Amino acid sequence: MTDLTHLAVPGAEIAVRVTPKASRNALVLAEEGVRAYVTVVPEDGKANAAVVKLLAKALGVAKSRLVLVRGQTSRDKVFRLE
């Protein structure tokens, strides 16, 4: 698991590229931003929930502090840390 605690600044917006139906759950810090790989299918917000869980753990914050700002149905998402 990638440690992203340096990004845990209140008000920070974190761009995430999501790959659903991956072989394992993982977060990777790439040049273009954070890449999230989740094993769940992108139906009924399941993939979004899995990404929030992964991201919150990597940031060391509660899941409730992450708000999806843009990209509800897109692979490219922007989360804000409240």
PDB file of N, CA and C in Angstrom:
ATOM      1  N   MET A   1       0.859  -1.183   0.000  1.00  0.00           N
ATOM      2  CA  MET A   1       0.000   0.000   0.000  1.00  0.00           C
ATOM      3  C   MET A   1       0.897   1.236   0.000  1.00  0.00           C
ATOM      4  N   THR A   2       0.579   2.153  -0.845  1.00  0.00           N
ATOM      5  CA  THR A   2       1.322   3.390  -0.956  1.00  0.00           C
ATOM      6  C   THR A   2       0.943   4.328   0.183  1.00  0.00           C
ATOM      7  N   ASP A   3       1.951   4.946   0.788  1.00  0.00           N
ATOM      8  CA  ASP A   3       1.710   5.898   1.873  1.00  0.00           C
ATOM      9  C   ASP A   3       1.502   7.285   1.264  1.00  0.00           C
ATOM     10  N   LEU A   4       0.310   7.832   1.452  1.00  0.00           N
ATOM     11  CA  LEU A   4      -0.018   9.136   0.879  1.00  0.00           C
ATOM     12  C   LEU A   4      -0.261  10.182   1.965  1.00  0.00           C
ATOM     13  N   THR A   5       0.275   9.970   3.158  1.00  0.00           N
ATOM     14  CA  THR A   5       0.000  10.895   4.254  1.00  0.00           C
ATOM     15  C   THR A   5       0.474  12.308   3.958  1.00  0.00           C
ATOM     16  N   HIS A   6       1.456  12.469   3.054  1.00  0.00           N
ATOM     17  CA  HIS A   6       1.917  13.818   2.706  1.00  0.00           C
ATOM     18  C   HIS A   6       0.849  14.604   1.937  1.00  0.00           C
ATOM     19  N   LEU A   7      -0.156  13.902   1.400  1.00  0.00           N
ATOM     20  CA  LEU A   7      -1.247  14.571   0.687  1.00  0.00           C
ATOM     21  C   LEU A   7      -2.419  14.909   1.612  1.00  0.00           C
ATOM     22  N   ALA A   8      -2.345  14.471   2.868  1.00  0.00           N
ATOM     23  CA  ALA A   8      -3.461  14.636   3.807  1.00  0.00           C
ATOM     24  C   ALA A   8      -3.499  16.051   4.388  1.00  0.00           C
ATOM     25  N   VAL A   9      -3.769  17.020   3.529  1.00  0.00           N
ATOM     26  CA  VAL A   9      -3.892  18.416   3.932  1.00  0.00           C
ATOM     27  C   VAL A   9      -5.362  18.804   3.785  1.00  0.00           C
ATOM     28  N   PRO A  10      -5.992  19.318   4.848  1.00  0.00           N
ATOM     29  CA  PRO A  10      -7.411  19.699   4.732  1.00  0.00           C
ATOM     30  C   PRO A  10      -7.645  20.660   3.572  1.00  0.00           C
ATOM     31  N   GLY A  11      -8.653  20.374   2.763  1.00  0.00           N
ATOM     32  CA  GLY A  11      -8.968  21.198   1.613  1.00  0.00           C
ATOM     33  C   GLY A  11      -8.262  20.771   0.342  1.00  0.00           C
ATOM     34  N   ALA A  12      -7.329  19.826   0.459  1.00  0.00           N
ATOM     35  CA  ALA A  12      -6.581  19.369  -0.714  1.00  0.00           C
ATOM     36  C   ALA A  12      -7.480  18.572  -1.648  1.00  0.00           C
ATOM     37  N   GLU A  13      -7.283  18.765  -2.961  1.00  0.00           N
ATOM     38  CA  GLU A  13      -8.004  17.985  -3.951  1.00  0.00           C
ATOM     39  C   GLU A  13      -7.043  16.963  -4.541  1.00  0.00           C
ATOM     40  N   ILE A  14      -7.488  15.718  -4.571  1.00  0.00           N
ATOM     41  CA  ILE A  14      -6.646  14.615  -5.019  1.00  0.00           C
ATOM     42  C   ILE A  14      -7.271  13.996  -6.264  1.00  0.00           C
ATOM     43  N   ALA A  15      -6.536  14.041  -7.369  1.00  0.00           N
ATOM     44  CA  ALA A  15      -7.006  13.445  -8.619  1.00  0.00           C
ATOM     45  C   ALA A  15      -6.642  11.963  -8.618  1.00  0.00           C
ATOM     46  N   VAL A  16      -7.622  11.126  -8.949  1.00  0.00           N
ATOM     47  CA  VAL A  16      -7.426   9.682  -8.930  1.00  0.00           C
ATOM     48  C   VAL A  16      -7.931   9.084 -10.236  1.00  0.00           C
ATOM     49  N   ARG A  17      -7.135   8.219 -10.837  1.00  0.00           N
ATOM     50  CA  ARG A  17      -7.548   7.467 -12.028  1.00  0.00           C
ATOM     51  C   ARG A  17      -7.871   6.057 -11.553  1.00  0.00           C
ATOM     52  N   VAL A  18      -9.096   5.604 -11.787  1.00  0.00           N
ATOM     53  CA  VAL A  18      -9.566   4.331 -11.245  1.00  0.00           C
ATOM     54  C   VAL A  18      -9.593   3.255 -12.319  1.00  0.00           C
ATOM     55  N   THR A  19      -9.112   2.067 -11.958  1.00  0.00           N
ATOM     56  CA  THR A  19      -9.211   0.890 -12.814  1.00  0.00           C
ATOM     57  C   THR A  19     -10.035  -0.149 -12.058  1.00  0.00           C
ATOM     58  N   PRO A  20     -11.312  -0.324 -12.435  1.00  0.00           N
ATOM     59  CA  PRO A  20     -12.137  -1.336 -11.771  1.00  0.00           C
ATOM     60  C   PRO A  20     -11.834  -2.735 -12.304  1.00  0.00           C
ATOM     61  N   LYS A  21     -12.318  -3.737 -11.616  1.00  0.00           N
ATOM     62  CA  LYS A  21     -12.144  -5.140 -11.975  1.00  0.00           C
ATOM     63  C   LYS A  21     -10.676  -5.521 -12.126  1.00  0.00           C
ATOM     64  N   ALA A  22      -9.821  -4.955 -11.280  1.00  0.00           N
ATOM     65  CA  ALA A  22      -8.396  -5.300 -11.284  1.00  0.00           C
ATOM     66  C   ALA A  22      -8.201  -6.618 -10.529  1.00  0.00           C
ATOM     67  N   SER A  23      -7.018  -7.158 -10.615  1.00  0.00           N
ATOM     68  CA  SER A  23      -6.756  -8.427  -9.943  1.00  0.00           C
ATOM     69  C   SER A  23      -6.578  -8.252  -8.437  1.00  0.00           C
ATOM     70  N   ARG A  24      -6.227  -7.033  -8.003  1.00  0.00           N
ATOM     71  CA  ARG A  24      -6.059  -6.775  -6.568  1.00  0.00           C
ATOM     72  C   ARG A  24      -6.317  -5.300  -6.286  1.00  0.00           C
ATOM     73  N   ASN A  25      -6.585  -4.994  -5.032  1.00  0.00           N
ATOM     74  CA  ASN A  25      -6.774  -3.605  -4.618  1.00  0.00           C
ATOM     75  C   ASN A  25      -5.403  -2.983  -4.379  1.00  0.00           C
ATOM     76  N   ALA A  26      -5.159  -1.827  -4.981  1.00  0.00           N
ATOM     77  CA  ALA A  26      -3.864  -1.166  -4.803  1.00  0.00           C
ATOM     78  C   ALA A  26      -3.977   0.307  -5.161  1.00  0.00           C
ATOM     79  N   LEU A  27      -3.099   1.100  -4.537  1.00  0.00           N
ATOM     80  CA  LEU A  27      -2.936   2.512  -4.883  1.00  0.00           C
ATOM     81  C   LEU A  27      -1.499   2.694  -5.339  1.00  0.00           C
ATOM     82  N   VAL A  28      -1.327   3.389  -6.455  1.00  0.00           N
ATOM     83  CA  VAL A  28       0.009   3.628  -6.988  1.00  0.00           C
ATOM     84  C   VAL A  28       0.165   5.118  -7.234  1.00  0.00           C
ATOM     85  N   LEU A  29       1.267   5.678  -6.763  1.00  0.00           N
ATOM     86  CA  LEU A  29       1.557   7.086  -7.001  1.00  0.00           C
ATOM     87  C   LEU A  29       2.365   7.185  -8.287  1.00  0.00           C
ATOM     88  N   ALA A  30       1.727   7.646  -9.370  1.00  0.00           N
ATOM     89  CA  ALA A  30       2.372   7.750 -10.675  1.00  0.00           C
ATOM     90  C   ALA A  30       2.690   9.216 -10.960  1.00  0.00           C
ATOM     91  N   GLU A  31       3.375   9.464 -12.076  1.00  0.00           N
ATOM     92  CA  GLU A  31       3.744  10.834 -12.447  1.00  0.00           C
ATOM     93  C   GLU A  31       2.522  11.710 -12.661  1.00  0.00           C
ATOM     94  N   GLU A  32       1.486  11.135 -13.273  1.00  0.00           N
ATOM     95  CA  GLU A  32       0.284  11.920 -13.580  1.00  0.00           C
ATOM     96  C   GLU A  32      -0.681  12.016 -12.411  1.00  0.00           C
ATOM     97  N   GLY A  33      -0.393  11.363 -11.303  1.00  0.00           N
ATOM     98  CA  GLY A  33      -1.257  11.424 -10.133  1.00  0.00           C
ATOM     99  C   GLY A  33      -1.414  10.067  -9.483  1.00  0.00           C
ATOM    100  N   VAL A  34      -2.476   9.915  -8.722  1.00  0.00           N
ATOM    101  CA  VAL A  34      -2.726   8.667  -8.009  1.00  0.00           C
ATOM    102  C   VAL A  34      -3.548   7.742  -8.895  1.00  0.00           C
ATOM    103  N   ARG A  35      -3.137   6.475  -8.964  1.00  0.00           N
ATOM    104  CA  ARG A  35      -3.895   5.457  -9.699  1.00  0.00           C
ATOM    105  C   ARG A  35      -4.432   4.459  -8.684  1.00  0.00           C
ATOM    106  N   ALA A  36      -5.729   4.167  -8.786  1.00  0.00           N
ATOM    107  CA  ALA A  36      -6.364   3.220  -7.875  1.00  0.00           C
ATOM    108  C   ALA A  36      -6.833   2.006  -8.663  1.00  0.00           C
ATOM    109  N   TYR A  37      -6.481   0.841  -8.169  1.00  0.00           N
ATOM    110  CA  TYR A  37      -6.920  -0.415  -8.763  1.00  0.00           C
ATOM    111  C   TYR A  37      -7.822  -1.104  -7.744  1.00  0.00           C
ATOM    112  N   VAL A  38      -9.070  -1.374  -8.137  1.00  0.00           N
ATOM    113  CA  VAL A  38     -10.006  -2.030  -7.234  1.00  0.00           C
ATOM    114  C   VAL A  38     -10.581  -3.270  -7.904  1.00  0.00           C
ATOM    115  N   THR A  39     -10.907  -4.284  -7.093  1.00  0.00           N
ATOM    116  CA  THR A  39     -11.374  -5.559  -7.626  1.00  0.00           C
ATOM    117  C   THR A  39     -12.866  -5.564  -7.931  1.00  0.00           C
ATOM    118  N   VAL A  40     -13.609  -4.603  -7.412  1.00  0.00           N
ATOM    119  CA  VAL A  40     -15.068  -4.607  -7.592  1.00  0.00           C
ATOM    120  C   VAL A  40     -15.470  -4.039  -8.950  1.00  0.00           C
ATOM    121  N   VAL A  41     -16.708  -4.337  -9.331  1.00  0.00           N
ATOM    122  CA  VAL A  41     -17.237  -3.856 -10.605  1.00  0.00           C
ATOM    123  C   VAL A  41     -17.778  -2.435 -10.444  1.00  0.00           C
ATOM    124  N   PRO A  42     -17.759  -1.646 -11.518  1.00  0.00           N
ATOM    125  CA  PRO A  42     -18.248  -0.260 -11.423  1.00  0.00           C
ATOM    126  C   PRO A  42     -19.766  -0.173 -11.537  1.00  0.00           C
ATOM    127  N   GLU A  43     -20.475  -0.743 -10.567  1.00  0.00           N
ATOM    128  CA  GLU A  43     -21.933  -0.713 -10.555  1.00  0.00           C
ATOM    129  C   GLU A  43     -22.424  -0.181  -9.221  1.00  0.00           C
ATOM    130  N   ASP A  44     -23.419   0.674  -9.252  1.00  0.00           N
ATOM    131  CA  ASP A  44     -24.090   1.181  -8.049  1.00  0.00           C
ATOM    132  C   ASP A  44     -23.116   1.820  -7.049  1.00  0.00           C
ATOM    133  N   GLY A  45     -22.043   2.411  -7.539  1.00  0.00           N
ATOM    134  CA  GLY A  45     -21.111   3.096  -6.648  1.00  0.00           C
ATOM    135  C   GLY A  45     -20.181   2.188  -5.867  1.00  0.00           C
ATOM    136  N   LYS A  46     -20.148   0.897  -6.199  1.00  0.00           N
ATOM    137  CA  LYS A  46     -19.283  -0.041  -5.467  1.00  0.00           C
ATOM    138  C   LYS A  46     -17.812   0.293  -5.654  1.00  0.00           C
ATOM    139  N   ALA A  47     -17.417   0.631  -6.876  1.00  0.00           N
ATOM    140  CA  ALA A  47     -16.016   0.967  -7.143  1.00  0.00           C
ATOM    141  C   ALA A  47     -15.638   2.264  -6.427  1.00  0.00           C
ATOM    142  N   ASN A  48     -16.549   3.253  -6.419  1.00  0.00           N
ATOM    143  CA  ASN A  48     -16.278   4.511  -5.716  1.00  0.00           C
ATOM    144  C   ASN A  48     -16.070   4.254  -4.231  1.00  0.00           C
ATOM    145  N   ALA A  49     -16.896   3.414  -3.641  1.00  0.00           N
ATOM    146  CA  ALA A  49     -16.776   3.098  -2.217  1.00  0.00           C
ATOM    147  C   ALA A  49     -15.444   2.403  -1.921  1.00  0.00           C
ATOM    148  N   ALA A  50     -15.029   1.511  -2.817  1.00  0.00           N
ATOM    149  CA  ALA A  50     -13.762   0.811  -2.638  1.00  0.00           C
ATOM    150  C   ALA A  50     -12.583   1.781  -2.738  1.00  0.00           C
ATOM    151  N   VAL A  51     -12.679   2.741  -3.656  1.00  0.00           N
ATOM    152  CA  VAL A  51     -11.614   3.734  -3.811  1.00  0.00           C
ATOM    153  C   VAL A  51     -11.538   4.622  -2.563  1.00  0.00           C
ATOM    154  N   VAL A  52     -12.682   5.029  -2.042  1.00  0.00           N
ATOM    155  CA  VAL A  52     -12.706   5.861  -0.833  1.00  0.00           C
ATOM    156  C   VAL A  52     -12.049   5.111   0.317  1.00  0.00           C
ATOM    157  N   LYS A  53     -12.362   3.838   0.447  1.00  0.00           N
ATOM    158  CA  LYS A  53     -11.785   3.031   1.526  1.00  0.00           C
ATOM    159  C   LYS A  53     -10.262   2.938   1.396  1.00  0.00           C
ATOM    160  N   LEU A  54      -9.780   2.647   0.189  1.00  0.00           N
ATOM    161  CA  LEU A  54      -8.336   2.556  -0.060  1.00  0.00           C
ATOM    162  C   LEU A  54      -7.638   3.891   0.184  1.00  0.00           C
ATOM    163  N   LEU A  55      -8.222   4.950  -0.348  1.00  0.00           N
ATOM    164  CA  LEU A  55      -7.621   6.274  -0.246  1.00  0.00           C
ATOM    165  C   LEU A  55      -7.575   6.749   1.200  1.00  0.00           C
ATOM    166  N   ALA A  56      -8.651   6.525   1.936  1.00  0.00           N
ATOM    167  CA  ALA A  56      -8.693   6.944   3.338  1.00  0.00           C
ATOM    168  C   ALA A  56      -7.627   6.221   4.151  1.00  0.00           C
ATOM    169  N   LYS A  57      -7.459   4.936   3.885  1.00  0.00           N
ATOM    170  CA  LYS A  57      -6.445   4.164   4.615  1.00  0.00           C
ATOM    171  C   LYS A  57      -5.038   4.674   4.295  1.00  0.00           C
ATOM    172  N   ALA A  58      -4.780   4.951   3.014  1.00  0.00           N
ATOM    173  CA  ALA A  58      -3.455   5.433   2.599  1.00  0.00           C
ATOM    174  C   ALA A  58      -3.158   6.828   3.148  1.00  0.00           C
ATOM    175  N   LEU A  59      -4.204   7.658   3.273  1.00  0.00           N
ATOM    176  CA  LEU A  59      -4.028   9.016   3.791  1.00  0.00           C
ATOM    177  C   LEU A  59      -3.998   9.047   5.313  1.00  0.00           C
ATOM    178  N   GLY A  60      -4.511   7.995   5.935  1.00  0.00           N
ATOM    179  CA  GLY A  60      -4.570   7.954   7.390  1.00  0.00           C
ATOM    180  C   GLY A  60      -5.690   8.820   7.945  1.00  0.00           C
ATOM    181  N   VAL A  61      -6.809   8.904   7.213  1.00  0.00           N
ATOM    182  CA  VAL A  61      -7.953   9.706   7.650  1.00  0.00           C
ATOM    183  C   VAL A  61      -9.214   8.846   7.618  1.00  0.00           C
ATOM    184  N   ALA A  62     -10.295   9.365   8.197  1.00  0.00           N
ATOM    185  CA  ALA A  62     -11.573   8.668   8.170  1.00  0.00           C
ATOM    186  C   ALA A  62     -12.194   8.759   6.780  1.00  0.00           C
ATOM    187  N   LYS A  63     -12.929   7.713   6.387  1.00  0.00           N
ATOM    188  CA  LYS A  63     -13.587   7.699   5.074  1.00  0.00           C
ATOM    189  C   LYS A  63     -14.552   8.874   4.924  1.00  0.00           C
ATOM    190  N   SER A  64     -15.170   9.281   6.024  1.00  0.00           N
ATOM    191  CA  SER A  64     -16.163  10.361   5.973  1.00  0.00           C
ATOM    192  C   SER A  64     -15.536  11.712   5.632  1.00  0.00           C
ATOM    193  N   ARG A  65     -14.213  11.833   5.742  1.00  0.00           N
ATOM    194  CA  ARG A  65     -13.549  13.104   5.427  1.00  0.00           C
ATOM    195  C   ARG A  65     -13.276  13.263   3.937  1.00  0.00           C
ATOM    196  N   LEU A  66     -13.455  12.206   3.149  1.00  0.00           N
ATOM    197  CA  LEU A  66     -13.234  12.275   1.708  1.00  0.00           C
ATOM    198  C   LEU A  66     -14.555  12.511   0.994  1.00  0.00           C
ATOM    199  N   VAL A  67     -14.563  13.534   0.137  1.00  0.00           N
ATOM    200  CA  VAL A  67     -15.765  13.886  -0.617  1.00  0.00           C
ATOM    201  C   VAL A  67     -15.431  13.789  -2.097  1.00  0.00           C
ATOM    202  N   LEU A  68     -16.277  13.074  -2.846  1.00  0.00           N
ATOM    203  CA  LEU A  68     -16.100  12.976  -4.292  1.00  0.00           C
ATOM    204  C   LEU A  68     -16.624  14.256  -4.924  1.00  0.00           C
ATOM    205  N   VAL A  69     -15.719  15.046  -5.508  1.00  0.00           N
ATOM    206  CA  VAL A  69     -16.076  16.334  -6.090  1.00  0.00           C
ATOM    207  C   VAL A  69     -16.517  16.179  -7.542  1.00  0.00           C
ATOM    208  N   ARG A  70     -15.735  15.422  -8.317  1.00  0.00           N
ATOM    209  CA  ARG A  70     -16.025  15.213  -9.734  1.00  0.00           C
ATOM    210  C   ARG A  70     -15.729  13.768 -10.110  1.00  0.00           C
ATOM    211  N   GLY A  71     -16.501  13.262 -11.086  1.00  0.00           N
ATOM    212  CA  GLY A  71     -16.203  11.950 -11.644  1.00  0.00           C
ATOM    213  C   GLY A  71     -17.007  10.803 -11.067  1.00  0.00           C
ATOM    214  N   GLN A  72     -18.231  11.058 -10.681  1.00  0.00           N
ATOM    215  CA  GLN A  72     -19.075  10.011 -10.098  1.00  0.00           C
ATOM    216  C   GLN A  72     -19.136   8.771 -10.996  1.00  0.00           C
ATOM    217  N   THR A  73     -19.256   8.976 -12.309  1.00  0.00           N
ATOM    218  CA  THR A  73     -19.361   7.843 -13.226  1.00  0.00           C
ATOM    219  C   THR A  73     -18.175   7.750 -14.179  1.00  0.00           C
ATOM    220  N   SER A  74     -17.121   8.479 -13.905  1.00  0.00           N
ATOM    221  CA  SER A  74     -15.946   8.505 -14.763  1.00  0.00           C
ATOM    222  C   SER A  74     -14.790   7.746 -14.110  1.00  0.00           C
ATOM    223  N   ARG A  75     -13.801   7.361 -14.907  1.00  0.00           N
ATOM    224  CA  ARG A  75     -12.600   6.731 -14.351  1.00  0.00           C
ATOM    225  C   ARG A  75     -11.720   7.768 -13.666  1.00  0.00           C
ATOM    226  N   ASP A  76     -11.791   9.023 -14.148  1.00  0.00           N
ATOM    227  CA  ASP A  76     -11.016  10.098 -13.558  1.00  0.00           C
ATOM    228  C   ASP A  76     -11.852  10.802 -12.508  1.00  0.00           C
ATOM    229  N   LYS A  77     -11.398  10.750 -11.271  1.00  0.00           N
ATOM    230  CA  LYS A  77     -12.172  11.301 -10.151  1.00  0.00           C
ATOM    231  C   LYS A  77     -11.331  12.321  -9.396  1.00  0.00           C
ATOM    232  N   VAL A  78     -12.014  13.248  -8.737  1.00  0.00           N
ATOM    233  CA  VAL A  78     -11.330  14.213  -7.886  1.00  0.00           C
ATOM    234  C   VAL A  78     -12.000  14.141  -6.519  1.00  0.00           C
ATOM    235  N   PHE A  79     -11.177  13.871  -5.501  1.00  0.00           N
ATOM    236  CA  PHE A  79     -11.650  13.817  -4.118  1.00  0.00           C
ATOM    237  C   PHE A  79     -11.105  15.020  -3.374  1.00  0.00           C
ATOM    238  N   ARG A  80     -11.914  15.554  -2.447  1.00  0.00           N
ATOM    239  CA  ARG A  80     -11.457  16.646  -1.585  1.00  0.00           C
ATOM    240  C   ARG A  80     -11.417  16.135  -0.152  1.00  0.00           C
ATOM    241  N   LEU A  81     -10.362  16.494   0.542  1.00  0.00           N
ATOM    242  CA  LEU A  81     -10.215  16.113   1.943  1.00  0.00           C
ATOM    243  C   LEU A  81     -10.809  17.216   2.801  1.00  0.00           C
ATOM    244  N   GLU A  82     -11.856  16.912   3.530  1.00  0.00           N
ATOM    245  CA  GLU A  82     -12.515  17.904   4.392  1.00  0.00           C
ATOM    246  C   GLU A  82     -11.784  18.051   5.707  1.00  0.00           C
TER     247      GLU A  82
END
